[in-house]
Protein backbone atom coordinates (compact mmCIF):
# COMPACT_ATOMS: atom_id res chain seq x y z
CA UNK A 1 1.98 -26.76 -28.29
CA UNK A 2 2.84 -23.21 -29.22
CA UNK A 3 1.44 -20.61 -26.82
CA UNK A 4 -0.38 -17.47 -27.92
CA UNK A 5 1.33 -14.14 -27.34
CA UNK A 6 -0.84 -13.39 -24.32
CA UNK A 7 -0.26 -16.81 -22.75
CA UNK A 8 3.46 -16.43 -23.40
CA UNK A 9 3.38 -13.02 -21.71
CA UNK A 10 1.54 -14.51 -18.73
CA UNK A 11 4.03 -17.38 -18.44
CA UNK A 12 7.06 -15.11 -18.60
CA UNK A 13 5.45 -12.79 -16.06
CA UNK A 14 4.95 -15.78 -13.74
CA UNK A 15 8.61 -16.68 -14.13
CA UNK A 16 9.61 -13.17 -13.09
CA UNK A 17 7.24 -13.29 -10.10
CA UNK A 18 8.79 -16.57 -8.94
CA UNK A 19 12.27 -15.07 -9.26
CA UNK A 20 11.14 -12.19 -7.05
CA UNK A 21 9.78 -14.63 -4.48
CA UNK A 22 12.59 -17.19 -4.55
CA UNK A 23 16.05 -15.75 -4.98
CA UNK A 24 18.74 -17.92 -6.54
CA UNK A 25 16.34 -20.52 -7.89
CA UNK A 26 17.50 -23.24 -10.31
CA UNK A 27 15.93 -24.00 -13.67
CA UNK A 28 14.70 -27.35 -12.36
CA UNK A 29 13.02 -25.80 -9.29
CA UNK A 30 11.52 -23.09 -11.48
CA UNK A 31 10.03 -25.65 -13.88
CA UNK A 32 8.64 -27.67 -10.97
CA UNK A 33 6.91 -24.64 -9.44
CA UNK A 34 5.45 -23.73 -12.83
CA UNK A 35 4.28 -27.28 -13.47
CA UNK A 36 6.23 -27.44 -16.75
CA UNK A 37 8.81 -29.73 -18.27
CA UNK A 38 12.33 -28.32 -17.70
CA UNK A 39 12.87 -28.09 -21.47
CA UNK A 40 9.68 -26.03 -21.91
CA UNK A 41 10.46 -23.68 -19.05
CA UNK A 42 14.00 -23.36 -20.39
CA UNK A 43 12.78 -21.89 -23.69
CA UNK A 44 11.17 -18.95 -21.93
CA UNK A 45 13.98 -18.54 -19.42
CA UNK A 46 16.48 -18.28 -22.31
CA UNK A 47 14.39 -15.57 -23.94
CA UNK A 48 14.24 -13.60 -20.68
CA UNK A 49 18.02 -13.95 -20.36
CA UNK A 50 18.52 -12.88 -23.99
CA UNK A 51 16.56 -9.69 -23.44
CA UNK A 52 18.29 -8.86 -20.19
CA UNK A 53 15.47 -9.43 -17.70
CA UNK A 54 17.15 -12.43 -16.07
CA UNK A 55 20.77 -13.38 -15.51
CA UNK A 56 22.61 -16.50 -14.39
CA UNK A 57 25.00 -16.87 -11.49
CA UNK A 58 27.18 -19.79 -10.48
CA UNK A 59 26.79 -20.92 -6.89
CA UNK A 60 29.82 -21.68 -4.75
CA UNK A 61 31.88 -24.38 -6.41
CA UNK A 62 31.59 -27.89 -5.05
CA UNK A 63 34.54 -30.26 -4.57
CA UNK A 64 33.41 -32.37 -7.49
CA UNK A 65 31.43 -31.64 -10.59
CA UNK A 66 30.36 -28.47 -12.27
CA UNK A 67 29.05 -25.74 -9.92
CA UNK A 68 25.27 -25.35 -10.26
CA UNK A 69 23.86 -22.18 -11.82
CA UNK A 70 20.90 -20.25 -10.45
CA UNK A 71 18.66 -17.58 -11.92
CA UNK A 72 18.34 -14.00 -10.71
CA UNK A 73 16.55 -10.86 -11.80
CA UNK A 74 18.74 -8.26 -13.44
CA UNK A 75 18.32 -5.11 -11.32
CA UNK A 76 19.66 -2.94 -14.15
CA UNK A 77 16.92 -3.92 -16.63
CA UNK A 78 14.60 -1.05 -15.75
CA UNK A 79 12.69 0.78 -13.03
CA UNK A 80 9.15 1.08 -11.70
CA UNK A 81 7.63 4.09 -9.94
CA UNK A 82 4.94 4.02 -7.27
CA UNK A 83 2.95 7.06 -6.15
CA UNK A 84 0.56 7.26 -3.21
CA UNK A 85 -1.40 10.15 -1.74
CA UNK A 86 -4.09 11.23 0.69
CA UNK A 87 -5.70 14.57 1.49
CA UNK A 88 -2.42 16.16 2.61
CA UNK A 89 0.63 14.50 1.07
CA UNK A 90 1.91 12.84 -2.10
CA UNK A 91 4.66 10.22 -1.79
CA UNK A 92 6.55 8.78 -4.77
CA UNK A 93 9.21 6.09 -4.87
CA UNK A 94 11.24 4.30 -7.56
CA UNK A 95 12.44 0.70 -7.39
CA UNK A 96 14.78 -1.23 -9.67
CA UNK A 97 13.87 -4.43 -11.51
CA UNK A 98 14.67 -6.53 -8.43
CA UNK A 99 12.42 -4.48 -6.08
CA UNK A 100 15.20 -2.46 -4.44
CA UNK A 101 14.08 1.09 -3.50
CA UNK A 102 16.16 3.75 -5.23
CA UNK A 103 14.74 7.27 -4.76
CA UNK A 104 11.77 8.86 -3.02
CA UNK A 105 10.14 12.25 -2.62
CA UNK A 106 7.24 13.87 -0.82
CA UNK A 107 5.07 16.84 -1.82
CA UNK A 108 2.36 18.58 0.20
CA UNK A 109 -1.24 19.11 -0.93
CA UNK A 110 -2.71 22.46 0.13
CA UNK A 111 -6.35 22.77 1.10
CA UNK A 112 -6.76 25.36 -1.65
CA UNK A 113 -5.32 23.12 -4.40
CA UNK A 114 -7.65 22.41 -7.29
CA UNK A 115 -7.92 18.94 -8.84
CA UNK A 116 -5.71 20.09 -11.70
CA UNK A 117 -3.07 21.37 -9.28
CA UNK A 118 -3.10 18.07 -7.38
CA UNK A 119 -2.71 16.11 -10.61
CA UNK A 120 0.24 18.30 -11.59
CA UNK A 121 1.84 17.69 -8.20
CA UNK A 122 1.39 13.93 -8.66
CA UNK A 123 3.15 14.25 -12.02
CA UNK A 124 5.90 16.36 -10.44
CA UNK A 125 6.44 13.77 -7.71
CA UNK A 126 6.80 11.03 -10.32
CA UNK A 127 9.23 13.16 -12.34
CA UNK A 128 11.39 13.72 -9.26
CA UNK A 129 12.02 9.98 -8.80
CA UNK A 130 12.15 8.88 -12.44
CA UNK A 131 15.43 7.59 -13.89
CA UNK A 132 17.47 10.13 -15.85
CA UNK A 133 17.17 7.86 -18.87
CA UNK A 134 13.39 7.83 -19.23
CA UNK A 135 13.48 4.76 -21.47
CA UNK A 136 14.33 2.79 -18.32
CA UNK A 137 10.90 3.51 -16.81
CA UNK A 138 8.79 0.39 -17.36
CA UNK A 139 5.49 1.12 -15.56
CA UNK A 140 3.84 3.25 -12.88
CA UNK A 141 1.66 2.13 -9.99
CA UNK A 142 -0.66 4.50 -8.13
CA UNK A 143 -2.16 4.02 -4.69
CA UNK A 144 -5.35 6.09 -4.82
CA UNK A 145 -7.44 6.96 -1.75
CA UNK A 146 -11.17 6.29 -1.72
CA UNK A 147 -13.07 4.32 -4.35
CA UNK A 148 -11.26 3.31 -7.54
CA UNK A 149 -12.09 1.47 -10.75
CA UNK A 150 -8.95 -0.49 -11.53
CA UNK A 151 -10.17 -1.69 -14.93
CA UNK A 152 -10.75 1.80 -16.31
CA UNK A 153 -8.03 3.48 -14.24
CA UNK A 154 -10.59 5.87 -12.77
CA UNK A 155 -10.32 7.48 -9.34
CA UNK A 156 -14.02 7.40 -8.50
CA UNK A 157 -14.43 9.35 -5.25
CA UNK A 158 -12.52 10.53 -2.18
CA UNK A 159 -14.32 12.68 0.35
CA UNK A 160 -11.23 14.38 1.79
CA UNK A 161 -10.27 16.10 -1.47
CA UNK A 162 -12.91 18.56 -2.66
CA UNK A 163 -14.50 17.68 -6.03
CA UNK A 164 -12.36 14.54 -6.37
CA UNK A 165 -14.78 12.49 -8.46
CA UNK A 166 -14.34 10.33 -11.59
CA UNK A 167 -10.75 11.49 -12.19
CA UNK A 168 -9.17 9.57 -15.14
CA UNK A 169 -5.86 9.27 -13.33
CA UNK A 170 -4.36 6.26 -15.11
CA UNK A 171 -5.19 7.66 -18.55
CA UNK A 172 -3.60 11.00 -17.70
CA UNK A 173 -0.40 9.47 -16.31
CA UNK A 174 -0.11 7.06 -19.23
CA UNK A 175 -0.40 9.96 -21.68
CA UNK A 176 2.14 12.01 -19.72
CA UNK A 177 4.81 9.33 -19.22
CA UNK A 178 4.16 6.89 -22.06
CA UNK A 179 4.12 3.72 -19.95
CA UNK A 180 1.46 1.46 -18.52
CA UNK A 181 -0.21 2.67 -15.33
CA UNK A 182 -1.85 0.41 -12.76
CA UNK A 183 -4.00 1.84 -9.97
CA UNK A 184 -5.37 0.39 -6.76
CA UNK A 185 -6.91 1.71 -3.56
CA UNK A 186 -4.10 3.09 -1.40
CA UNK A 187 -4.81 0.90 1.64
CA UNK A 188 -4.58 -2.15 -0.58
CA UNK A 189 -1.18 -1.03 -1.86
CA UNK A 190 -0.13 -0.78 1.80
CA UNK A 191 -1.32 -4.34 2.37
CA UNK A 192 0.62 -5.48 -0.72
CA UNK A 193 3.75 -3.78 0.61
CA UNK A 194 3.37 -5.70 3.89
CA UNK A 195 2.68 -8.93 1.97
CA UNK A 196 5.73 -8.68 -0.28
CA UNK A 197 8.25 -6.78 1.85
CA UNK A 198 7.06 -6.32 5.42
CA UNK A 199 5.58 -8.13 8.40
CA UNK A 200 3.13 -9.99 6.15
CA UNK A 201 5.87 -12.11 4.58
CA UNK A 202 4.79 -15.73 5.01
CA UNK A 203 1.47 -14.78 6.67
CA UNK A 204 -1.55 -16.10 4.76
CA UNK A 205 -4.24 -14.09 6.55
CA UNK A 206 -3.67 -10.58 7.86
CA UNK A 207 -5.14 -7.08 7.87
CA UNK A 208 -3.37 -3.76 7.34
CA UNK A 209 -5.26 -0.85 8.93
CA UNK A 210 -4.23 2.47 7.39
CA UNK A 211 -4.89 5.66 9.35
CA UNK A 212 -4.34 9.01 7.66
CA UNK A 213 -7.02 11.54 6.62
CA UNK A 214 -9.47 8.62 6.78
CA UNK A 215 -9.30 5.00 7.93
CA UNK A 216 -9.44 1.84 5.83
CA UNK A 217 -8.32 -1.78 6.01
CA UNK A 218 -6.50 -3.83 3.39
CA UNK A 219 -7.28 -7.53 3.79
CA UNK A 220 -5.10 -10.45 2.73
CA UNK A 221 -7.10 -13.71 2.71
CA UNK A 222 -5.28 -16.96 1.97
CA UNK A 223 -2.33 -15.03 0.55
CA UNK A 224 -4.48 -12.97 -1.84
CA UNK A 225 -5.69 -9.38 -1.73
CA UNK A 226 -9.43 -9.22 -1.00
CA UNK A 227 -11.26 -6.38 -2.77
CA UNK A 228 -14.97 -7.27 -2.58
CA UNK A 229 -17.66 -7.66 -5.25
CA UNK A 230 -17.42 -4.02 -6.39
CA UNK A 231 -13.82 -3.44 -5.20
CA UNK A 232 -15.12 -1.32 -2.33
CA UNK A 233 -14.14 -3.57 0.59
CA UNK A 234 -12.26 -2.15 3.54
CA UNK A 235 -14.09 1.12 4.28
CA UNK A 236 -13.49 0.73 8.00
CA UNK A 237 -13.60 4.47 8.61
CA UNK A 238 -17.27 4.59 7.57
CA UNK A 239 -18.35 2.31 10.44
CA UNK A 240 -20.53 4.15 12.99
CA UNK A 241 -18.92 4.17 16.43
CA UNK A 242 -21.64 3.98 19.09
CA UNK A 243 -19.48 4.20 22.23
CA UNK A 244 -18.08 7.73 22.24
CA UNK A 245 -17.42 8.97 25.76
CA UNK A 246 -19.64 11.87 26.93
CA UNK A 247 -16.48 13.50 28.32
CA UNK A 248 -14.99 13.91 24.83
CA UNK A 249 -18.06 13.89 22.56
CA UNK A 250 -18.17 17.68 22.20
CA UNK A 251 -14.67 17.71 20.71
CA UNK A 252 -15.38 15.20 17.93
CA UNK A 253 -17.51 15.82 14.85
CA UNK A 254 -21.01 14.47 15.50
CA UNK A 255 -23.47 16.67 13.64
CA UNK A 256 -25.20 14.84 10.80
CA UNK A 257 -28.36 12.74 11.01
CA UNK A 258 -26.54 9.42 10.60
CA UNK A 259 -24.20 10.25 13.47
CA UNK A 260 -27.12 11.29 15.65
CA UNK A 261 -28.84 7.96 15.03
CA UNK A 262 -25.92 5.49 15.01
CA UNK A 263 -22.94 7.41 16.33
CA UNK A 264 -20.16 9.27 14.48
CA UNK A 265 -18.10 7.51 11.85
CA UNK A 266 -14.88 5.93 13.12
CA UNK A 267 -12.78 8.21 10.90
CA UNK A 268 -14.27 11.19 12.79
CA UNK A 269 -12.87 9.70 16.01
CA UNK A 270 -9.62 7.86 15.26
CA UNK A 271 -8.07 9.35 12.10
CA UNK A 272 -5.11 11.71 12.23
CA UNK A 273 -7.38 14.56 11.12
CA UNK A 274 -9.98 13.74 13.79
CA UNK A 275 -7.43 13.69 16.62
CA UNK A 276 -5.93 17.00 15.48
CA UNK A 277 -9.33 18.69 15.26
CA UNK A 278 -10.50 17.29 18.60
CA UNK A 279 -7.43 18.76 20.28
CA UNK A 280 -8.00 22.10 18.56
CA UNK A 281 -11.64 22.21 19.74
CA UNK A 282 -10.69 21.19 23.28
CA UNK A 283 -8.00 23.89 23.46
CA UNK A 284 -10.46 26.47 22.12
CA UNK A 285 -12.86 25.26 24.83
CA UNK A 286 -10.28 26.25 27.44
CA UNK A 287 -9.05 22.79 28.42
CA UNK A 288 -5.64 22.90 30.15
CA UNK A 289 -2.81 21.37 28.12
CA UNK A 290 0.94 21.45 27.54
CA UNK A 291 0.36 21.98 23.83
CA UNK A 292 1.50 25.49 22.96
CA UNK A 293 1.76 25.27 19.18
CA UNK A 294 0.00 27.83 17.01
CA UNK A 295 0.21 25.58 13.93
CA UNK A 296 -3.04 24.29 12.48
CA UNK A 297 -3.42 21.41 12.12
CA UNK A 298 -1.41 20.52 15.22
CA UNK A 299 1.69 18.56 14.08
CA UNK A 300 1.78 14.89 15.00
CA UNK A 301 5.22 15.48 16.53
CA UNK A 302 3.71 17.95 19.02
CA UNK A 303 0.92 15.52 19.91
CA UNK A 304 3.49 12.76 20.50
CA UNK A 305 5.55 15.06 22.72
CA UNK A 306 2.48 15.98 24.76
CA UNK A 307 1.52 12.30 25.18
CA UNK A 308 5.06 11.40 26.27
CA UNK A 309 4.88 14.18 28.87
CA UNK A 310 1.60 12.68 30.14
CA UNK A 311 -0.45 15.71 29.14
CA UNK A 312 -3.99 14.88 30.41
CA UNK A 313 -5.82 16.35 27.40
CA UNK A 314 -3.63 14.68 24.77
CA UNK A 315 -3.87 11.35 26.61
CA UNK A 316 -7.66 11.61 26.92
CA UNK A 317 -8.16 12.23 23.20
CA UNK A 318 -5.59 9.66 22.02
CA UNK A 319 -7.09 7.05 24.36
CA UNK A 320 -10.58 7.79 23.01
CA UNK A 321 -9.30 7.33 19.46
CA UNK A 322 -7.46 4.13 20.41
CA UNK A 323 -10.55 2.63 22.06
CA UNK A 324 -12.59 3.38 18.94
CA UNK A 325 -9.93 1.82 16.76
CA UNK A 326 -9.71 -1.21 19.06
CA UNK A 327 -13.50 -1.63 18.95
CA UNK A 328 -13.44 -1.69 15.12
CA UNK A 329 -10.45 -4.06 14.99
CA UNK A 330 -12.27 -6.31 17.45
CA UNK A 331 -15.19 -6.60 15.02
CA UNK A 332 -12.74 -7.48 12.24
CA UNK A 333 -11.19 -10.17 14.42
CA UNK A 334 -14.58 -11.70 15.23
CA UNK A 335 -15.58 -11.65 11.57
CA UNK A 336 -12.40 -12.56 9.68
CA UNK A 337 -10.06 -14.22 12.21
CA UNK A 338 -6.79 -12.74 10.87
CA UNK A 339 -3.49 -14.02 12.24
CA UNK A 340 -1.96 -10.56 12.36
CA UNK A 341 -2.97 -6.91 12.16
CA UNK A 342 -0.61 -4.10 11.17
CA UNK A 343 -1.45 -0.46 11.87
CA UNK A 344 0.08 1.91 9.30
CA UNK A 345 0.21 5.68 9.00
CA UNK A 346 1.49 8.68 10.99
CA UNK A 347 -0.07 7.49 14.27
CA UNK A 348 2.52 4.70 14.48
CA UNK A 349 4.83 7.33 16.01
CA UNK A 350 2.64 7.16 19.14
CA UNK A 351 3.98 3.66 19.78
CA UNK A 352 2.50 1.86 22.79
CA UNK A 353 0.47 4.93 23.74
CA UNK A 354 -1.79 3.87 20.85
CA UNK A 355 -1.20 0.11 20.79
CA UNK A 356 -1.84 -0.64 24.46
CA UNK A 357 -5.43 0.67 24.58
CA UNK A 358 -6.11 -0.85 21.15
CA UNK A 359 -4.94 -4.27 22.34
CA UNK A 360 -6.82 -3.97 25.63
CA UNK A 361 -10.08 -3.17 23.82
CA UNK A 362 -9.60 -6.03 21.34
CA UNK A 363 -8.88 -8.40 24.25
CA UNK A 364 -12.05 -7.36 26.04
CA UNK A 365 -14.11 -7.96 22.90
CA UNK A 366 -12.59 -11.13 21.48
CA UNK A 367 -10.20 -13.12 23.63
CA UNK A 368 -11.29 -16.55 24.83
CA UNK A 369 -9.44 -19.81 25.32
CA UNK A 370 -10.66 -20.87 21.88
CA UNK A 371 -9.80 -17.57 20.20
CA UNK A 372 -6.57 -15.89 21.25
CA UNK A 373 -6.04 -12.30 20.19
CA UNK A 374 -4.14 -11.95 16.91
CA UNK A 375 -0.80 -10.20 16.92
CA UNK A 376 -1.40 -6.44 16.66
CA UNK A 377 1.66 -4.39 15.68
CA UNK A 378 2.68 -1.11 14.12
CA UNK A 379 3.91 -1.25 10.54
CA UNK A 380 7.65 -0.67 10.32
CA UNK A 381 7.64 0.43 6.67
CA UNK A 382 7.33 4.18 7.22
CA UNK A 383 5.45 6.85 5.32
CA UNK A 384 6.36 5.45 1.89
CA UNK A 385 4.59 2.12 2.50
CA UNK A 386 1.78 2.95 0.04
CA UNK A 387 4.19 4.17 -2.65
CA UNK A 388 6.33 1.06 -2.26
CA UNK A 389 3.25 -1.12 -2.56
CA UNK A 390 2.14 0.81 -5.64
CA UNK A 391 5.56 0.35 -7.26
CA UNK A 392 5.40 -3.36 -6.45
CA UNK A 393 1.89 -3.51 -7.92
CA UNK A 394 3.23 -2.11 -11.21
CA UNK A 395 6.17 -4.47 -11.08
CA UNK A 396 3.95 -7.52 -10.56
CA UNK A 397 1.31 -6.55 -13.14
CA UNK A 398 3.78 -5.55 -15.86
CA UNK A 399 4.73 -8.10 -18.51
CA UNK A 400 7.85 -8.18 -20.72
CA UNK A 401 7.69 -6.16 -23.92
CA UNK A 402 10.04 -6.97 -26.80
CA UNK A 403 11.23 -4.76 -29.63
CA UNK A 404 9.73 -5.22 -33.07
CA UNK A 405 11.44 -7.90 -35.13
CA UNK A 406 13.12 -7.11 -38.41
CA UNK A 407 11.95 -8.96 -41.47
CA UNK A 408 13.67 -12.33 -41.66
CA UNK A 409 14.81 -12.11 -38.05
CA UNK A 410 14.16 -14.92 -35.61
CA UNK A 411 13.63 -12.49 -32.73
CA UNK A 412 10.16 -12.35 -31.15
CA UNK A 413 7.68 -9.90 -32.60
CA UNK A 414 6.70 -6.85 -30.64
CA UNK A 415 3.88 -7.47 -28.22
CA UNK A 416 2.08 -5.22 -25.85
CA UNK A 417 2.28 -5.49 -22.10
CA UNK A 418 -0.76 -6.61 -20.12
CA UNK A 419 -3.49 -4.20 -19.32
């Protein structure tokens, strides 16, 4: 039975995904994993080889018989770009066709930047990592903070960028760069990066907690990204935190009616921004500290140095944030029972100064003989984790596109990539 163009595109995309998952796979193993006859799978493999997406390699020769051949992705076939941002920074990264990172860049967002200026900076970041031969760019992925509509490519809302509402980001980038653009919430691109490249490899159920301007959680359930009914799952930072210590309460934001009734939101206690502002308020209140920086916000490096020197004020505020984070993670553990939890973002530089109180709080809330605490670790993927996940998103969603056939030619007709 002859497949439609869209079903052919889906099948060839699945072949490429399997080649990214299983390196050096044979035609027979590929057909078995696809549930196809080897001859049928071979037709599509040959087409991918013909157009340069896949190449063959002979394995080490055996004593007898012809050495077996295996299939590999061709890293030279093209590139994908991922871009990720929050309220302060834009990160962009390019990968080749076999997922290998090639180039990256980082640009700062100023508090005074307009939406148009931020969009131009996103475009500039992408341009900085693009291949010199622009025809090699195959697709762009964008990790977008806050609420997103992946179907329309709309960035719906993000409270930490003023007037960021219903921004047609995918449409703008597609018009600018002439390739398909795929968007996803930035914490979910972080979770995808962990799933495909990081400490989530081989783990069927895990959570990635991202802490930057806000706090959110990307959830992998049974090996799949969980997004929720309206793709709004994971807003961990919006949870009210009812256990703020009276000793530190004055230094954390706690002014609106919701906070007065239920407690401040977690992202006003445990985000990078919240910790920086709490320290600034405490210093302005005359609290003794080793922090002598005049920079605002206080750099994370200075906070880490103060914590390492056992500065009482820095330790008190970081411990308060860690307990709040541990309380929220404990609720996730009781609800979802993940095998592993990764914490991503700038606070990973605090190391065990953050992890120890987080783990202790989770233990107090959840650990029993029947329910051991899941492994809680810092992500090791660095500040470009969201951009890498966004690039991988584009790479996985993209489908092969062939040149238009000449009249009388047996080559495949031109077909569009998947939306």
